Structure formats: structure tokens, C-alpha cells
Amino acid sequence: MKTPQETPSEPRTDTASTHEDRVRRAAYELAERRGFAPGYELEDWLAAEKQVLGDSAVDETGVPTQGSGEQKGNP
């Protein structure tokens, strides 16, 4: 049985694809700075997701929530 993501009638949205691409690029840059040392793949991916999402947190459904996370630039 195919999942909804695999069916041609339900293609990924541009927003989801763009988000994943941004996370992928950010994770690659983090790994590159580390010299591509093995064993940090998950850490780099999670840090990249946090970077891409900015200050907003994500609930269990993947929806950004308001008012969560650290505030940057405010002492």
C-alpha cells in the first residue's frame, strides 16, 4: 500500500520542498565546516532545522507555534 506522499495525486507542496532544501543546504554547510567528520549527521540536520525555522518551534504535527524559542538580539 502506498502512503499519501508516494501517490502522484498528492505531490509535495513547494513550501515543504523549499523548506527541506533549505535544511539540506544548511546541514551540508555545517558538515562542511566540521570537515565532514562522520557521526554528526543527525546533529547537523537538527541544528539546520532549528536554524531554518528561526525562533519558532514546531508542534507534533509539524506546524510552527508562536512565542516559542529563544529571542535573538534582545539582551
PDB file of N, CA and C in Angstrom:
ATOM      1  N   MET A   1       0.843  -1.182   0.000  1.00  0.00           N
ATOM      2  CA  MET A   1       0.000   0.000   0.000  1.00  0.00           C
ATOM      3  C   MET A   1       0.885   1.242   0.000  1.00  0.00           C
ATOM      4  N   LYS A   2       0.581   2.175  -0.857  1.00  0.00           N
ATOM      5  CA  LYS A   2       1.377   3.390  -0.942  1.00  0.00           C
ATOM      6  C   LYS A   2       0.900   4.413   0.079  1.00  0.00           C
ATOM      7  N   THR A   3       1.854   5.176   0.595  1.00  0.00           N
ATOM      8  CA  THR A   3       1.494   6.264   1.501  1.00  0.00           C
ATOM      9  C   THR A   3       1.071   7.457   0.676  1.00  0.00           C
ATOM     10  N   PRO A   4       0.384   8.419   1.288  1.00  0.00           N
ATOM     11  CA  PRO A   4      -0.059   9.595   0.528  1.00  0.00           C
ATOM     12  C   PRO A   4       1.103  10.343  -0.133  1.00  0.00           C
ATOM     13  N   GLN A   5       2.275  10.318   0.445  1.00  0.00           N
ATOM     14  CA  GLN A   5       3.414  11.014  -0.131  1.00  0.00           C
ATOM     15  C   GLN A   5       3.883  10.362  -1.429  1.00  0.00           C
ATOM     16  N   GLU A   6       3.597   9.083  -1.602  1.00  0.00           N
ATOM     17  CA  GLU A   6       4.066   8.355  -2.764  1.00  0.00           C
ATOM     18  C   GLU A   6       3.098   8.424  -3.936  1.00  0.00           C
ATOM     19  N   THR A   7       1.875   8.850  -3.703  1.00  0.00           N
ATOM     20  CA  THR A   7       0.896   8.855  -4.769  1.00  0.00           C
ATOM     21  C   THR A   7       1.059  10.096  -5.634  1.00  0.00           C
ATOM     22  N   PRO A   8       0.967   9.943  -6.952  1.00  0.00           N
ATOM     23  CA  PRO A   8       1.118  11.080  -7.851  1.00  0.00           C
ATOM     24  C   PRO A   8       0.019  12.120  -7.680  1.00  0.00           C
ATOM     25  N   SER A   9      -1.142  11.740  -7.150  1.00  0.00           N
ATOM     26  CA  SER A   9      -2.248  12.682  -6.995  1.00  0.00           C
ATOM     27  C   SER A   9      -2.010  13.669  -5.858  1.00  0.00           C
ATOM     28  N   GLU A  10      -1.021  13.408  -5.002  1.00  0.00           N
ATOM     29  CA  GLU A  10      -0.734  14.298  -3.884  1.00  0.00           C
ATOM     30  C   GLU A  10       0.743  14.673  -3.879  1.00  0.00           C
ATOM     31  N   PRO A  11       1.172  15.530  -4.813  1.00  0.00           N
ATOM     32  CA  PRO A  11       2.586  15.908  -4.843  1.00  0.00           C
ATOM     33  C   PRO A  11       2.942  16.775  -3.647  1.00  0.00           C
ATOM     34  N   ARG A  12       4.233  16.792  -3.326  1.00  0.00           N
ATOM     35  CA  ARG A  12       4.697  17.633  -2.234  1.00  0.00           C
ATOM     36  C   ARG A  12       4.485  19.085  -2.603  1.00  0.00           C
ATOM     37  N   THR A  13       4.186  19.881  -1.605  1.00  0.00           N
ATOM     38  CA  THR A  13       3.978  21.299  -1.859  1.00  0.00           C
ATOM     39  C   THR A  13       5.312  21.987  -2.061  1.00  0.00           C
ATOM     40  N   ASP A  14       5.289  23.107  -2.752  1.00  0.00           N
ATOM     41  CA  ASP A  14       6.509  23.883  -2.939  1.00  0.00           C
ATOM     42  C   ASP A  14       7.086  24.316  -1.604  1.00  0.00           C
ATOM     43  N   THR A  15       6.227  24.645  -0.655  1.00  0.00           N
ATOM     44  CA  THR A  15       6.687  25.093   0.653  1.00  0.00           C
ATOM     45  C   THR A  15       7.455  23.990   1.362  1.00  0.00           C
ATOM     46  N   ALA A  16       6.927  22.781   1.367  1.00  0.00           N
ATOM     47  CA  ALA A  16       7.610  21.668   2.022  1.00  0.00           C
ATOM     48  C   ALA A  16       8.921  21.359   1.322  1.00  0.00           C
ATOM     49  N   SER A  17       8.912  21.377   0.008  1.00  0.00           N
ATOM     50  CA  SER A  17      10.112  21.100  -0.758  1.00  0.00           C
ATOM     51  C   SER A  17      11.159  22.174  -0.514  1.00  0.00           C
ATOM     52  N   THR A  18      10.751  23.429  -0.507  1.00  0.00           N
ATOM     53  CA  THR A  18      11.671  24.536  -0.263  1.00  0.00           C
ATOM     54  C   THR A  18      12.251  24.446   1.137  1.00  0.00           C
ATOM     55  N   HIS A  19      11.421  24.136   2.109  1.00  0.00           N
ATOM     56  CA  HIS A  19      11.889  24.001   3.496  1.00  0.00           C
ATOM     57  C   HIS A  19      12.945  22.908   3.591  1.00  0.00           C
ATOM     58  N   GLU A  20      12.649  21.754   3.018  1.00  0.00           N
ATOM     59  CA  GLU A  20      13.601  20.645   3.074  1.00  0.00           C
ATOM     60  C   GLU A  20      14.904  20.995   2.364  1.00  0.00           C
ATOM     61  N   ASP A  21      14.809  21.681   1.246  1.00  0.00           N
ATOM     62  CA  ASP A  21      16.013  22.099   0.521  1.00  0.00           C
ATOM     63  C   ASP A  21      16.856  23.055   1.358  1.00  0.00           C
ATOM     64  N   ARG A  22      16.203  23.991   2.046  1.00  0.00           N
ATOM     65  CA  ARG A  22      16.930  24.933   2.890  1.00  0.00           C
ATOM     66  C   ARG A  22      17.615  24.206   4.042  1.00  0.00           C
ATOM     67  N   VAL A  23      16.919  23.248   4.643  1.00  0.00           N
ATOM     68  CA  VAL A  23      17.504  22.473   5.736  1.00  0.00           C
ATOM     69  C   VAL A  23      18.683  21.651   5.218  1.00  0.00           C
ATOM     70  N   ARG A  24      18.500  21.036   4.058  1.00  0.00           N
ATOM     71  CA  ARG A  24      19.563  20.219   3.468  1.00  0.00           C
ATOM     72  C   ARG A  24      20.821  21.052   3.224  1.00  0.00           C
ATOM     73  N   ARG A  25      20.642  22.248   2.661  1.00  0.00           N
ATOM     74  CA  ARG A  25      21.797  23.116   2.397  1.00  0.00           C
ATOM     75  C   ARG A  25      22.478  23.555   3.686  1.00  0.00           C
ATOM     76  N   ALA A  26      21.689  23.919   4.677  1.00  0.00           N
ATOM     77  CA  ALA A  26      22.254  24.352   5.957  1.00  0.00           C
ATOM     78  C   ALA A  26      22.997  23.205   6.640  1.00  0.00           C
ATOM     79  N   ALA A  27      22.443  22.000   6.591  1.00  0.00           N
ATOM     80  CA  ALA A  27      23.109  20.841   7.190  1.00  0.00           C
ATOM     81  C   ALA A  27      24.417  20.535   6.473  1.00  0.00           C
ATOM     82  N   TYR A  28      24.415  20.681   5.155  1.00  0.00           N
ATOM     83  CA  TYR A  28      25.637  20.459   4.385  1.00  0.00           C
ATOM     84  C   TYR A  28      26.712  21.456   4.799  1.00  0.00           C
ATOM     85  N   GLU A  29      26.320  22.726   4.949  1.00  0.00           N
ATOM     86  CA  GLU A  29      27.291  23.751   5.355  1.00  0.00           C
ATOM     87  C   GLU A  29      27.860  23.465   6.736  1.00  0.00           C
ATOM     88  N   LEU A  30      27.011  23.000   7.659  1.00  0.00           N
ATOM     89  CA  LEU A  30      27.503  22.648   8.994  1.00  0.00           C
ATOM     90  C   LEU A  30      28.495  21.490   8.911  1.00  0.00           C
ATOM     91  N   ALA A  31      28.168  20.486   8.126  1.00  0.00           N
ATOM     92  CA  ALA A  31      29.062  19.337   7.962  1.00  0.00           C
ATOM     93  C   ALA A  31      30.367  19.759   7.298  1.00  0.00           C
ATOM     94  N   GLU A  32      30.266  20.644   6.331  1.00  0.00           N
ATOM     95  CA  GLU A  32      31.458  21.122   5.632  1.00  0.00           C
ATOM     96  C   GLU A  32      32.401  21.853   6.592  1.00  0.00           C
ATOM     97  N   ARG A  33      31.832  22.698   7.454  1.00  0.00           N
ATOM     98  CA  ARG A  33      32.653  23.406   8.446  1.00  0.00           C
ATOM     99  C   ARG A  33      33.345  22.443   9.392  1.00  0.00           C
ATOM    100  N   ARG A  34      32.720  21.299   9.645  1.00  0.00           N
ATOM    101  CA  ARG A  34      33.263  20.286  10.542  1.00  0.00           C
ATOM    102  C   ARG A  34      34.269  19.390   9.803  1.00  0.00           C
ATOM    103  N   GLY A  35      34.445  19.607   8.517  1.00  0.00           N
ATOM    104  CA  GLY A  35      35.340  18.778   7.728  1.00  0.00           C
ATOM    105  C   GLY A  35      34.720  17.431   7.379  1.00  0.00           C
ATOM    106  N   PHE A  36      33.381  17.380   7.367  1.00  0.00           N
ATOM    107  CA  PHE A  36      32.630  16.158   7.049  1.00  0.00           C
ATOM    108  C   PHE A  36      33.006  14.987   7.953  1.00  0.00           C
ATOM    109  N   ALA A  37      33.350  15.289   9.213  1.00  0.00           N
ATOM    110  CA  ALA A  37      33.650  14.223  10.177  1.00  0.00           C
ATOM    111  C   ALA A  37      32.410  13.352  10.360  1.00  0.00           C
ATOM    112  N   PRO A  38      32.559  12.039  10.311  1.00  0.00           N
ATOM    113  CA  PRO A  38      31.398  11.149  10.444  1.00  0.00           C
ATOM    114  C   PRO A  38      30.841  11.144  11.862  1.00  0.00           C
ATOM    115  N   GLY A  39      29.550  10.820  11.966  1.00  0.00           N
ATOM    116  CA  GLY A  39      28.916  10.667  13.265  1.00  0.00           C
ATOM    117  C   GLY A  39      28.118  11.880  13.722  1.00  0.00           C
ATOM    118  N   TYR A  40      28.079  12.937  12.930  1.00  0.00           N
ATOM    119  CA  TYR A  40      27.377  14.150  13.317  1.00  0.00           C
ATOM    120  C   TYR A  40      26.200  14.470  12.396  1.00  0.00           C
ATOM    121  N   GLU A  41      25.796  13.521  11.589  1.00  0.00           N
ATOM    122  CA  GLU A  41      24.765  13.769  10.593  1.00  0.00           C
ATOM    123  C   GLU A  41      23.454  14.240  11.216  1.00  0.00           C
ATOM    124  N   LEU A  42      22.978  13.525  12.240  1.00  0.00           N
ATOM    125  CA  LEU A  42      21.715  13.890  12.876  1.00  0.00           C
ATOM    126  C   LEU A  42      21.839  15.233  13.583  1.00  0.00           C
ATOM    127  N   GLU A  43      22.936  15.439  14.281  1.00  0.00           N
ATOM    128  CA  GLU A  43      23.168  16.709  14.972  1.00  0.00           C
ATOM    129  C   GLU A  43      23.147  17.875  13.969  1.00  0.00           C
ATOM    130  N   ASP A  44      23.812  17.699  12.830  1.00  0.00           N
ATOM    131  CA  ASP A  44      23.837  18.743  11.812  1.00  0.00           C
ATOM    132  C   ASP A  44      22.441  18.994  11.246  1.00  0.00           C
ATOM    133  N   TRP A  45      21.690  17.923  11.002  1.00  0.00           N
ATOM    134  CA  TRP A  45      20.349  18.077  10.435  1.00  0.00           C
ATOM    135  C   TRP A  45      19.447  18.824  11.408  1.00  0.00           C
ATOM    136  N   LEU A  46      19.475  18.436  12.685  1.00  0.00           N
ATOM    137  CA  LEU A  46      18.618  19.085  13.673  1.00  0.00           C
ATOM    138  C   LEU A  46      19.009  20.546  13.877  1.00  0.00           C
ATOM    139  N   ALA A  47      20.297  20.824  13.894  1.00  0.00           N
ATOM    140  CA  ALA A  47      20.757  22.209  14.019  1.00  0.00           C
ATOM    141  C   ALA A  47      20.326  23.025  12.805  1.00  0.00           C
ATOM    142  N   ALA A  48      20.375  22.425  11.637  1.00  0.00           N
ATOM    143  CA  ALA A  48      19.951  23.109  10.416  1.00  0.00           C
ATOM    144  C   ALA A  48      18.452  23.388  10.445  1.00  0.00           C
ATOM    145  N   GLU A  49      17.658  22.432  10.911  1.00  0.00           N
ATOM    146  CA  GLU A  49      16.217  22.662  11.029  1.00  0.00           C
ATOM    147  C   GLU A  49      15.940  23.820  11.971  1.00  0.00           C
ATOM    148  N   LYS A  50      16.628  23.843  13.086  1.00  0.00           N
ATOM    149  CA  LYS A  50      16.447  24.925  14.056  1.00  0.00           C
ATOM    150  C   LYS A  50      16.826  26.258  13.420  1.00  0.00           C
ATOM    151  N   GLN A  51      17.904  26.271  12.688  1.00  0.00           N
ATOM    152  CA  GLN A  51      18.368  27.485  12.018  1.00  0.00           C
ATOM    153  C   GLN A  51      17.337  27.969  10.998  1.00  0.00           C
ATOM    154  N   VAL A  52      16.805  27.064  10.204  1.00  0.00           N
ATOM    155  CA  VAL A  52      15.844  27.421   9.164  1.00  0.00           C
ATOM    156  C   VAL A  52      14.528  27.894   9.777  1.00  0.00           C
ATOM    157  N   LEU A  53      14.113  27.255  10.840  1.00  0.00           N
ATOM    158  CA  LEU A  53      12.856  27.634  11.480  1.00  0.00           C
ATOM    159  C   LEU A  53      12.968  28.939  12.256  1.00  0.00           C
ATOM    160  N   GLY A  54      14.180  29.330  12.615  1.00  0.00           N
ATOM    161  CA  GLY A  54      14.357  30.559  13.373  1.00  0.00           C
ATOM    162  C   GLY A  54      13.871  30.393  14.792  1.00  0.00           C
ATOM    163  N   ASP A  55      13.172  31.349  15.274  1.00  0.00           N
ATOM    164  CA  ASP A  55      12.720  31.351  16.661  1.00  0.00           C
ATOM    165  C   ASP A  55      11.449  30.547  16.891  1.00  0.00           C
ATOM    166  N   SER A  56      10.750  30.156  15.837  1.00  0.00           N
ATOM    167  CA  SER A  56       9.502  29.442  16.019  1.00  0.00           C
ATOM    168  C   SER A  56       9.759  27.967  16.291  1.00  0.00           C
ATOM    169  N   ALA A  57       8.965  27.396  17.146  1.00  0.00           N
ATOM    170  CA  ALA A  57       9.038  25.967  17.438  1.00  0.00           C
ATOM    171  C   ALA A  57       8.016  25.254  16.561  1.00  0.00           C
ATOM    172  N   VAL A  58       8.107  23.936  16.520  1.00  0.00           N
ATOM    173  CA  VAL A  58       7.190  23.145  15.722  1.00  0.00           C
ATOM    174  C   VAL A  58       6.493  22.152  16.637  1.00  0.00           C
ATOM    175  N   ASP A  59       5.148  22.086  16.543  1.00  0.00           N
ATOM    176  CA  ASP A  59       4.438  21.112  17.359  1.00  0.00           C
ATOM    177  C   ASP A  59       4.506  19.726  16.731  1.00  0.00           C
ATOM    178  N   GLU A  60       3.831  18.761  17.344  1.00  0.00           N
ATOM    179  CA  GLU A  60       3.933  17.373  16.878  1.00  0.00           C
ATOM    180  C   GLU A  60       3.362  17.150  15.488  1.00  0.00           C
ATOM    181  N   THR A  61       2.562  18.084  14.979  1.00  0.00           N
ATOM    182  CA  THR A  61       2.023  17.945  13.635  1.00  0.00           C
ATOM    183  C   THR A  61       2.890  18.631  12.596  1.00  0.00           C
ATOM    184  N   GLY A  62       3.969  19.286  13.049  1.00  0.00           N
ATOM    185  CA  GLY A  62       4.860  19.971  12.122  1.00  0.00           C
ATOM    186  C   GLY A  62       4.467  21.411  11.859  1.00  0.00           C
ATOM    187  N   VAL A  63       3.502  21.930  12.629  1.00  0.00           N
ATOM    188  CA  VAL A  63       3.039  23.299  12.450  1.00  0.00           C
ATOM    189  C   VAL A  63       3.825  24.226  13.373  1.00  0.00           C
ATOM    190  N   PRO A  64       4.405  25.302  12.824  1.00  0.00           N
ATOM    191  CA  PRO A  64       5.131  26.238  13.688  1.00  0.00           C
ATOM    192  C   PRO A  64       4.206  26.853  14.725  1.00  0.00           C
ATOM    193  N   THR A  65       4.714  27.012  15.937  1.00  0.00           N
ATOM    194  CA  THR A  65       3.964  27.639  17.011  1.00  0.00           C
ATOM    195  C   THR A  65       4.525  29.011  17.287  1.00  0.00           C
ATOM    196  N   GLN A  66       3.726  29.894  17.813  1.00  0.00           N
ATOM    197  CA  GLN A  66       4.150  31.262  18.098  1.00  0.00           C
ATOM    198  C   GLN A  66       4.641  31.381  19.534  1.00  0.00           C
ATOM    199  N   GLY A  67       5.607  32.284  19.749  1.00  0.00           N
ATOM    200  CA  GLY A  67       6.054  32.596  21.096  1.00  0.00           C
ATOM    201  C   GLY A  67       6.984  31.585  21.709  1.00  0.00           C
ATOM    202  N   SER A  68       7.522  30.652  20.941  1.00  0.00           N
ATOM    203  CA  SER A  68       8.427  29.648  21.472  1.00  0.00           C
ATOM    204  C   SER A  68       9.827  29.922  20.996  1.00  0.00           C
ATOM    205  N   GLY A  69      10.782  29.398  21.685  1.00  0.00           N
ATOM    206  CA  GLY A  69      12.176  29.527  21.284  1.00  0.00           C
ATOM    207  C   GLY A  69      12.844  30.711  21.915  1.00  0.00           C
ATOM    208  N   GLU A  70      14.141  30.790  21.695  1.00  0.00           N
ATOM    209  CA  GLU A  70      14.914  31.871  22.267  1.00  0.00           C
ATOM    210  C   GLU A  70      14.763  33.117  21.413  1.00  0.00           C
ATOM    211  N   GLN A  71      14.822  34.257  22.073  1.00  0.00           N
ATOM    212  CA  GLN A  71      14.795  35.507  21.336  1.00  0.00           C
ATOM    213  C   GLN A  71      16.216  35.945  21.096  1.00  0.00           C
ATOM    214  N   LYS A  72      16.514  36.283  19.856  1.00  0.00           N
ATOM    215  CA  LYS A  72      17.859  36.690  19.496  1.00  0.00           C
ATOM    216  C   LYS A  72      17.924  38.201  19.404  1.00  0.00           C
ATOM    217  N   GLY A  73      19.047  38.746  19.805  1.00  0.00           N
ATOM    218  CA  GLY A  73      19.277  40.168  19.652  1.00  0.00           C
ATOM    219  C   GLY A  73      18.669  41.026  20.736  1.00  0.00           C
ATOM    220  N   ASN A  74      17.982  40.451  21.688  1.00  0.00           N
ATOM    221  CA  ASN A  74      17.422  41.200  22.792  1.00  0.00           C
ATOM    222  C   ASN A  74      18.138  40.826  24.066  1.00  0.00           C
ATOM    223  N   PRO A  75      18.884  41.781  24.669  1.00  0.00           N
ATOM    224  CA  PRO A  75      19.618  41.442  25.901  1.00  0.00           C
ATOM    225  C   PRO A  75      18.692  41.202  27.063  1.00  0.00           C
TER     226      PRO A  75
END
